[in-house]
Amino acid sequence: MDKISFRKKQIDLVSEFMKSDKAQKEINDLYMQLFDDLDFKNAPSIGITLSMNDEIPTFPIINQCWEMGKDVYIPKTFADYSMTFVKYTKDTELTESSFGVREPKNFDNNIMDPPDLLLVPGLAYSKTNNRLGFGAGYFDRYLAKYPTKTISLASSRQYYTDTPWPVYVLDKPIDKILVSTGDNDANNQ
């Protein structure tokens, strides 16, 4: 199946799952796995997106980072499909991008490229650490320019034993994927 068709199918699958009772249980499991992860614990700075609908909520992660004394950085994207990470605090003024993502309004200072650890969002992940993103290629371009440690969080509906979408040379694998296995019937194997 081509990426565009698979992405559309995956968006529908994840959207439906996020409305289910199982979703919150899996999300809590993923938070606990992340907060126990040594790479997460040891990273002084974390790059993370501000979650949107049907994504694993990132605000509990951001709050945990602040409680642990970590610096939090969020992406600012540009028309050429590049991005930079800008320090995020409770006082950061946000604006909405053309994709509907909340980003820092001011980005001239407090930049860190790359943060020590990036929590990379996506629609689907595979056992071989492949990631299907949302289609614009921001993270793949960023990781090609700024290699750093990466972790992704995958619900049972986002994780595949095999990689059912095409993987291209420019697609960057994730270092570590934390998976909530959910119920046995939930795995996309």
C-alpha atoms as a PDB file:
ATOM      1  CA  MET A   1       0.000   0.000   0.000  1.00  0.00           C
ATOM      2  CA  ASP A   2       1.344   3.466  -0.839  1.00  0.00           C
ATOM      3  CA  LYS A   3       2.084   5.970   1.944  1.00  0.00           C
ATOM      4  CA  ILE A   4      -0.808   8.312   1.156  1.00  0.00           C
ATOM      5  CA  SER A   5      -3.422   5.516   1.282  1.00  0.00           C
ATOM      6  CA  PHE A   6      -1.884   3.935   4.368  1.00  0.00           C
ATOM      7  CA  ARG A   7      -1.647   7.316   6.124  1.00  0.00           C
ATOM      8  CA  LYS A   8      -5.358   8.002   5.496  1.00  0.00           C
ATOM      9  CA  LYS A   9      -6.322   4.539   6.801  1.00  0.00           C
ATOM     10  CA  GLN A  10      -4.060   5.014   9.839  1.00  0.00           C
ATOM     11  CA  ILE A  11      -5.499   8.459  10.665  1.00  0.00           C
ATOM     12  CA  ASP A  12      -9.007   6.935  10.736  1.00  0.00           C
ATOM     13  CA  LEU A  13      -7.840   3.964  12.835  1.00  0.00           C
ATOM     14  CA  VAL A  14      -6.062   6.141  15.421  1.00  0.00           C
ATOM     15  CA  SER A  15      -8.920   8.659  15.547  1.00  0.00           C
ATOM     16  CA  GLU A  16     -11.433   5.909  16.286  1.00  0.00           C
ATOM     17  CA  PHE A  17      -9.167   4.315  18.894  1.00  0.00           C
ATOM     18  CA  MET A  18      -8.584   7.609  20.744  1.00  0.00           C
ATOM     19  CA  LYS A  19     -12.351   7.749  21.395  1.00  0.00           C
ATOM     20  CA  SER A  20     -12.313   4.313  23.056  1.00  0.00           C
ATOM     21  CA  ASP A  21     -12.062   3.449  26.752  1.00  0.00           C
ATOM     22  CA  LYS A  22      -8.803   1.575  26.095  1.00  0.00           C
ATOM     23  CA  ALA A  23      -7.006   4.678  24.837  1.00  0.00           C
ATOM     24  CA  GLN A  24      -6.514   6.380  28.214  1.00  0.00           C
ATOM     25  CA  LYS A  25      -5.255   3.162  29.798  1.00  0.00           C
ATOM     26  CA  GLU A  26      -2.664   2.790  27.041  1.00  0.00           C
ATOM     27  CA  ILE A  27      -1.678   6.467  27.236  1.00  0.00           C
ATOM     28  CA  ASN A  28      -1.086   6.161  30.994  1.00  0.00           C
ATOM     29  CA  ASP A  29       1.011   3.039  30.375  1.00  0.00           C
ATOM     30  CA  LEU A  30       3.116   4.957  27.819  1.00  0.00           C
ATOM     31  CA  TYR A  31       3.649   7.847  30.252  1.00  0.00           C
ATOM     32  CA  MET A  32       4.923   5.419  32.906  1.00  0.00           C
ATOM     33  CA  GLN A  33       7.252   3.704  30.422  1.00  0.00           C
ATOM     34  CA  LEU A  34       8.635   7.074  29.318  1.00  0.00           C
ATOM     35  CA  PHE A  35       9.104   8.431  32.844  1.00  0.00           C
ATOM     36  CA  ASP A  36      11.020   5.245  33.756  1.00  0.00           C
ATOM     37  CA  ASP A  37      13.197   5.331  30.632  1.00  0.00           C
ATOM     38  CA  LEU A  38      16.893   6.066  31.316  1.00  0.00           C
ATOM     39  CA  ASP A  39      17.363   8.155  28.164  1.00  0.00           C
ATOM     40  CA  PHE A  40      14.423  10.314  29.232  1.00  0.00           C
ATOM     41  CA  LYS A  41      15.601  10.552  32.840  1.00  0.00           C
ATOM     42  CA  ASN A  42      19.154  11.511  31.822  1.00  0.00           C
ATOM     43  CA  ALA A  43      18.328  14.082  29.123  1.00  0.00           C
ATOM     44  CA  PRO A  44      18.683  17.680  30.381  1.00  0.00           C
ATOM     45  CA  SER A  45      16.646  19.003  27.430  1.00  0.00           C
ATOM     46  CA  ILE A  46      13.623  17.489  25.699  1.00  0.00           C
ATOM     47  CA  GLY A  47      12.215  18.402  22.284  1.00  0.00           C
ATOM     48  CA  ILE A  48       8.475  17.733  22.070  1.00  0.00           C
ATOM     49  CA  THR A  49       5.457  18.868  20.075  1.00  0.00           C
ATOM     50  CA  LEU A  50       2.309  20.381  21.535  1.00  0.00           C
ATOM     51  CA  SER A  51      -0.219  17.611  20.872  1.00  0.00           C
ATOM     52  CA  MET A  52      -3.289  18.026  18.717  1.00  0.00           C
ATOM     53  CA  ASN A  53      -6.550  16.066  18.525  1.00  0.00           C
ATOM     54  CA  ASP A  54      -6.145  12.294  18.283  1.00  0.00           C
ATOM     55  CA  GLU A  55      -2.513  12.423  19.426  1.00  0.00           C
ATOM     56  CA  ILE A  56      -1.144  11.188  22.724  1.00  0.00           C
ATOM     57  CA  PRO A  57      -1.437  14.285  24.960  1.00  0.00           C
ATOM     58  CA  THR A  58       1.980  15.823  25.542  1.00  0.00           C
ATOM     59  CA  PHE A  59       1.123  18.299  28.310  1.00  0.00           C
ATOM     60  CA  PRO A  60       1.489  15.666  31.075  1.00  0.00           C
ATOM     61  CA  ILE A  61       4.944  14.894  29.647  1.00  0.00           C
ATOM     62  CA  ILE A  62       5.857  18.578  29.511  1.00  0.00           C
ATOM     63  CA  ASN A  63       4.729  19.079  33.121  1.00  0.00           C
ATOM     64  CA  GLN A  64       6.783  16.040  34.205  1.00  0.00           C
ATOM     65  CA  CYS A  65       9.824  17.506  32.421  1.00  0.00           C
ATOM     66  CA  TRP A  66       9.420  20.791  34.285  1.00  0.00           C
ATOM     67  CA  GLU A  67       9.008  18.950  37.605  1.00  0.00           C
ATOM     68  CA  MET A  68      12.266  17.102  36.862  1.00  0.00           C
ATOM     69  CA  GLY A  69      14.057  20.385  36.095  1.00  0.00           C
ATOM     70  CA  LYS A  70      14.410  19.697  32.366  1.00  0.00           C
ATOM     71  CA  ASP A  71      14.381  22.355  29.674  1.00  0.00           C
ATOM     72  CA  VAL A  72      11.523  21.846  27.203  1.00  0.00           C
ATOM     73  CA  TYR A  73      11.802  22.851  23.541  1.00  0.00           C
ATOM     74  CA  ILE A  74       9.015  22.887  20.955  1.00  0.00           C
ATOM     75  CA  PRO A  75       9.332  23.114  17.176  1.00  0.00           C
ATOM     76  CA  LYS A  76       8.921  26.232  15.093  1.00  0.00           C
ATOM     77  CA  THR A  77       8.358  25.307  11.440  1.00  0.00           C
ATOM     78  CA  PHE A  78       9.139  27.293   8.310  1.00  0.00           C
ATOM     79  CA  ALA A  79       7.836  27.413   4.716  1.00  0.00           C
ATOM     80  CA  ASP A  80      10.871  25.499   3.405  1.00  0.00           C
ATOM     81  CA  TYR A  81       9.877  22.498   5.597  1.00  0.00           C
ATOM     82  CA  SER A  82      12.699  23.156   8.035  1.00  0.00           C
ATOM     83  CA  MET A  83      12.243  23.644  11.754  1.00  0.00           C
ATOM     84  CA  THR A  84      14.097  24.719  14.860  1.00  0.00           C
ATOM     85  CA  PHE A  85      13.448  24.028  18.532  1.00  0.00           C
ATOM     86  CA  VAL A  86      12.599  26.964  20.810  1.00  0.00           C
ATOM     87  CA  LYS A  87      12.561  26.914  24.615  1.00  0.00           C
ATOM     88  CA  TYR A  88       9.036  26.502  25.953  1.00  0.00           C
ATOM     89  CA  THR A  89       7.888  27.834  29.325  1.00  0.00           C
ATOM     90  CA  LYS A  90       4.504  28.598  30.847  1.00  0.00           C
ATOM     91  CA  ASP A  91       4.926  32.164  29.544  1.00  0.00           C
ATOM     92  CA  THR A  92       5.724  31.279  25.917  1.00  0.00           C
ATOM     93  CA  GLU A  93       3.374  33.080  23.534  1.00  0.00           C
ATOM     94  CA  LEU A  94       1.994  30.713  20.901  1.00  0.00           C
ATOM     95  CA  THR A  95       0.640  31.132  17.385  1.00  0.00           C
ATOM     96  CA  GLU A  96      -1.040  28.595  15.089  1.00  0.00           C
ATOM     97  CA  SER A  97       0.822  27.315  12.026  1.00  0.00           C
ATOM     98  CA  SER A  98      -0.791  26.663   8.641  1.00  0.00           C
ATOM     99  CA  PHE A  99      -1.120  23.000   9.739  1.00  0.00           C
ATOM    100  CA  GLY A 100      -3.020  24.028  12.889  1.00  0.00           C
ATOM    101  CA  VAL A 101      -0.066  23.253  15.174  1.00  0.00           C
ATOM    102  CA  ARG A 102       0.641  25.601  18.076  1.00  0.00           C
ATOM    103  CA  GLU A 103       4.158  27.020  17.827  1.00  0.00           C
ATOM    104  CA  PRO A 104       6.190  29.705  19.577  1.00  0.00           C
ATOM    105  CA  LYS A 105       5.411  33.171  18.253  1.00  0.00           C
ATOM    106  CA  ASN A 106       8.904  34.506  18.988  1.00  0.00           C
ATOM    107  CA  PHE A 107      11.821  32.337  17.975  1.00  0.00           C
ATOM    108  CA  ASP A 108      14.839  34.615  17.676  1.00  0.00           C
ATOM    109  CA  ASN A 109      16.465  33.393  20.890  1.00  0.00           C
ATOM    110  CA  ASN A 110      16.349  30.426  23.262  1.00  0.00           C
ATOM    111  CA  ILE A 111      16.951  28.021  20.359  1.00  0.00           C
ATOM    112  CA  MET A 112      18.525  24.594  20.824  1.00  0.00           C
ATOM    113  CA  ASP A 113      19.323  22.454  17.797  1.00  0.00           C
ATOM    114  CA  PRO A 114      19.127  19.651  18.696  1.00  0.00           C
ATOM    115  CA  PRO A 115      17.708  19.069  22.164  1.00  0.00           C
ATOM    116  CA  ASP A 116      19.326  16.115  23.986  1.00  0.00           C
ATOM    117  CA  LEU A 117      16.275  13.931  23.344  1.00  0.00           C
ATOM    118  CA  LEU A 118      13.463  14.322  20.810  1.00  0.00           C
ATOM    119  CA  LEU A 119      10.036  12.796  21.396  1.00  0.00           C
ATOM    120  CA  VAL A 120       9.017  12.271  17.780  1.00  0.00           C
ATOM    121  CA  PRO A 121       5.312  12.143  16.882  1.00  0.00           C
ATOM    122  CA  GLY A 122       3.892   9.876  14.199  1.00  0.00           C
ATOM    123  CA  LEU A 123       0.932   7.901  12.933  1.00  0.00           C
ATOM    124  CA  ALA A 124       2.504   4.438  12.818  1.00  0.00           C
ATOM    125  CA  TYR A 125       5.675   2.648  13.883  1.00  0.00           C
ATOM    126  CA  SER A 126       7.182  -0.736  13.164  1.00  0.00           C
ATOM    127  CA  LYS A 127       9.246  -3.278  15.052  1.00  0.00           C
ATOM    128  CA  THR A 128      12.241  -2.269  12.880  1.00  0.00           C
ATOM    129  CA  ASN A 129      11.946   1.326  14.223  1.00  0.00           C
ATOM    130  CA  ASN A 130      10.404   2.772  11.075  1.00  0.00           C
ATOM    131  CA  ARG A 131       8.041   5.702  11.502  1.00  0.00           C
ATOM    132  CA  LEU A 132       5.192   6.986   9.380  1.00  0.00           C
ATOM    133  CA  GLY A 133       4.826  10.705   9.972  1.00  0.00           C
ATOM    134  CA  PHE A 134       2.097  13.093   8.973  1.00  0.00           C
ATOM    135  CA  GLY A 135       3.500  13.684   5.486  1.00  0.00           C
ATOM    136  CA  ALA A 136       5.380  16.978   5.501  1.00  0.00           C
ATOM    137  CA  GLY A 137       8.801  15.509   6.371  1.00  0.00           C
ATOM    138  CA  TYR A 138       9.791  18.077   9.012  1.00  0.00           C
ATOM    139  CA  PHE A 139      11.227  15.542  11.461  1.00  0.00           C
ATOM    140  CA  ASP A 140      13.020  13.506   8.778  1.00  0.00           C
ATOM    141  CA  ARG A 141      14.737  16.653   7.460  1.00  0.00           C
ATOM    142  CA  TYR A 142      15.564  17.826  10.980  1.00  0.00           C
ATOM    143  CA  LEU A 143      17.069  14.489  12.033  1.00  0.00           C
ATOM    144  CA  ALA A 144      19.145  14.352   8.842  1.00  0.00           C
ATOM    145  CA  LYS A 145      20.651  17.719   9.781  1.00  0.00           C
ATOM    146  CA  TYR A 146      20.726  17.321  13.585  1.00  0.00           C
ATOM    147  CA  PRO A 147      21.114  13.676  14.625  1.00  0.00           C
ATOM    148  CA  THR A 148      20.080  13.224  18.259  1.00  0.00           C
ATOM    149  CA  LYS A 149      18.471  10.555  20.436  1.00  0.00           C
ATOM    150  CA  THR A 150      14.837   9.872  19.555  1.00  0.00           C
ATOM    151  CA  ILE A 151      11.942   8.161  21.292  1.00  0.00           C
ATOM    152  CA  SER A 152       8.384   7.720  20.061  1.00  0.00           C
ATOM    153  CA  LEU A 153       5.279   6.594  21.938  1.00  0.00           C
ATOM    154  CA  ALA A 154       3.009   4.123  20.166  1.00  0.00           C
ATOM    155  CA  SER A 155      -0.431   2.918  21.141  1.00  0.00           C
ATOM    156  CA  SER A 156      -1.357  -0.635  20.180  1.00  0.00           C
ATOM    157  CA  ARG A 157      -3.127   0.768  17.088  1.00  0.00           C
ATOM    158  CA  GLN A 158       0.056   2.524  15.950  1.00  0.00           C
ATOM    159  CA  TYR A 159       2.519  -0.366  16.201  1.00  0.00           C
ATOM    160  CA  TYR A 160       3.175  -2.956  13.480  1.00  0.00           C
ATOM    161  CA  THR A 161       5.381  -6.056  13.524  1.00  0.00           C
ATOM    162  CA  ASP A 162       6.155  -5.537   9.832  1.00  0.00           C
ATOM    163  CA  THR A 163       6.305  -2.200   8.031  1.00  0.00           C
ATOM    164  CA  PRO A 164       3.167  -2.097   5.817  1.00  0.00           C
ATOM    165  CA  TRP A 165       4.057   1.275   4.249  1.00  0.00           C
ATOM    166  CA  PRO A 166       6.959   2.026   1.883  1.00  0.00           C
ATOM    167  CA  VAL A 167      10.154   3.264   3.572  1.00  0.00           C
ATOM    168  CA  TYR A 168      12.345   5.668   1.598  1.00  0.00           C
ATOM    169  CA  VAL A 169      15.993   6.686   1.949  1.00  0.00           C
ATOM    170  CA  LEU A 170      15.034  10.035   3.516  1.00  0.00           C
ATOM    171  CA  ASP A 171      12.841   8.381   6.187  1.00  0.00           C
ATOM    172  CA  LYS A 172      14.732   8.445   9.485  1.00  0.00           C
ATOM    173  CA  PRO A 173      14.225   5.541  11.906  1.00  0.00           C
ATOM    174  CA  ILE A 174      13.485   6.150  15.582  1.00  0.00           C
ATOM    175  CA  ASP A 175      16.051   4.997  18.166  1.00  0.00           C
ATOM    176  CA  LYS A 176      13.467   3.658  20.609  1.00  0.00           C
ATOM    177  CA  ILE A 177       9.738   3.077  20.347  1.00  0.00           C
ATOM    178  CA  LEU A 178       7.831   2.630  23.590  1.00  0.00           C
ATOM    179  CA  VAL A 179       4.749   0.528  22.882  1.00  0.00           C
ATOM    180  CA  SER A 180       1.579   0.011  24.819  1.00  0.00           C
ATOM    181  CA  THR A 181       0.604  -3.507  23.882  1.00  0.00           C
ATOM    182  CA  GLY A 182      -2.995  -3.105  24.971  1.00  0.00           C
ATOM    183  CA  ASP A 183      -5.068  -6.242  24.655  1.00  0.00           C
ATOM    184  CA  ASN A 184      -3.820  -9.066  22.468  1.00  0.00           C
ATOM    185  CA  ASP A 185      -6.512  -8.353  19.888  1.00  0.00           C
ATOM    186  CA  ALA A 186      -5.334  -4.743  19.644  1.00  0.00           C
ATOM    187  CA  ASN A 187      -1.981  -5.453  17.995  1.00  0.00           C
ATOM    188  CA  ASN A 188      -1.750  -4.669  14.296  1.00  0.00           C
ATOM    189  CA  GLN A 189       0.234  -7.781  13.414  1.00  0.00           C
END
